[in-house]
Amino acid sequence: MLKTHAWRVKRRGMGHGVIDWLAVDLRRDFPEMTGLSPRNLKYMRAFSVP
């Protein structure tokens, strides 16, 4: 999964829907987990960046 995302980021850049792709892949790979929506991932990113 991470190789796919690294390839997408390298090819298209970070701002081109990476969080949306990541949310879809995380939901597919971890269906029992909650809180993996694109909005929550954006909140997590904002919280982690100083």
Protein backbone atom coordinates (compact mmCIF):
# COMPACT_ATOMS: atom_id res chain seq x y z
CA MET A 1 0.00 0.00 0.00
CA LEU A 2 2.73 2.51 0.90
CA LYS A 3 4.63 1.86 -2.32
CA THR A 4 1.49 2.65 -4.30
CA HIS A 5 1.02 5.92 -2.45
CA ALA A 6 4.68 6.86 -2.76
CA TRP A 7 4.44 6.27 -6.51
CA ARG A 8 1.29 8.42 -6.78
CA VAL A 9 2.85 11.26 -4.79
CA LYS A 10 6.03 11.12 -6.86
CA ARG A 11 4.12 11.06 -10.13
CA ARG A 12 1.38 13.62 -9.42
CA GLY A 13 2.50 15.57 -6.36
CA MET A 14 1.16 15.69 -2.82
CA GLY A 15 -1.72 18.02 -3.50
CA HIS A 16 -3.56 15.89 -6.04
CA GLY A 17 -6.00 13.88 -3.94
CA VAL A 18 -3.45 11.84 -2.01
CA ILE A 19 -5.50 11.99 1.18
CA ASP A 20 -8.62 10.84 -0.69
CA TRP A 21 -6.73 7.86 -2.19
CA LEU A 22 -5.25 7.06 1.19
CA ALA A 23 -8.66 7.11 2.86
CA VAL A 24 -10.09 4.70 0.28
CA ASP A 25 -7.15 2.32 0.58
CA LEU A 26 -7.13 2.41 4.39
CA ARG A 27 -10.86 1.69 4.55
CA ARG A 28 -10.39 -1.23 2.16
CA ASP A 29 -7.41 -2.64 4.07
CA PHE A 30 -8.81 -2.00 7.57
CA PRO A 31 -12.62 -2.21 7.31
CA GLU A 32 -13.08 -2.61 11.06
CA MET A 33 -11.37 0.71 11.88
CA THR A 34 -13.29 3.95 12.15
CA GLY A 35 -12.08 7.51 11.65
CA LEU A 36 -10.40 6.97 8.29
CA SER A 37 -12.44 9.44 6.27
CA PRO A 38 -10.64 12.03 4.14
CA ARG A 39 -11.79 14.77 6.51
CA ASN A 40 -10.38 12.98 9.56
CA LEU A 41 -7.09 12.29 7.77
CA LYS A 42 -6.86 16.01 6.94
CA TYR A 43 -7.46 16.84 10.61
CA MET A 44 -4.71 14.37 11.57
CA ARG A 45 -2.32 15.98 9.10
CA ALA A 46 -3.12 19.47 10.38
CA PHE A 47 -2.63 18.34 13.97
CA SER A 48 0.73 16.71 13.27
CA VAL A 49 2.27 19.59 11.30
CA PRO A 50 3.58 22.43 13.47
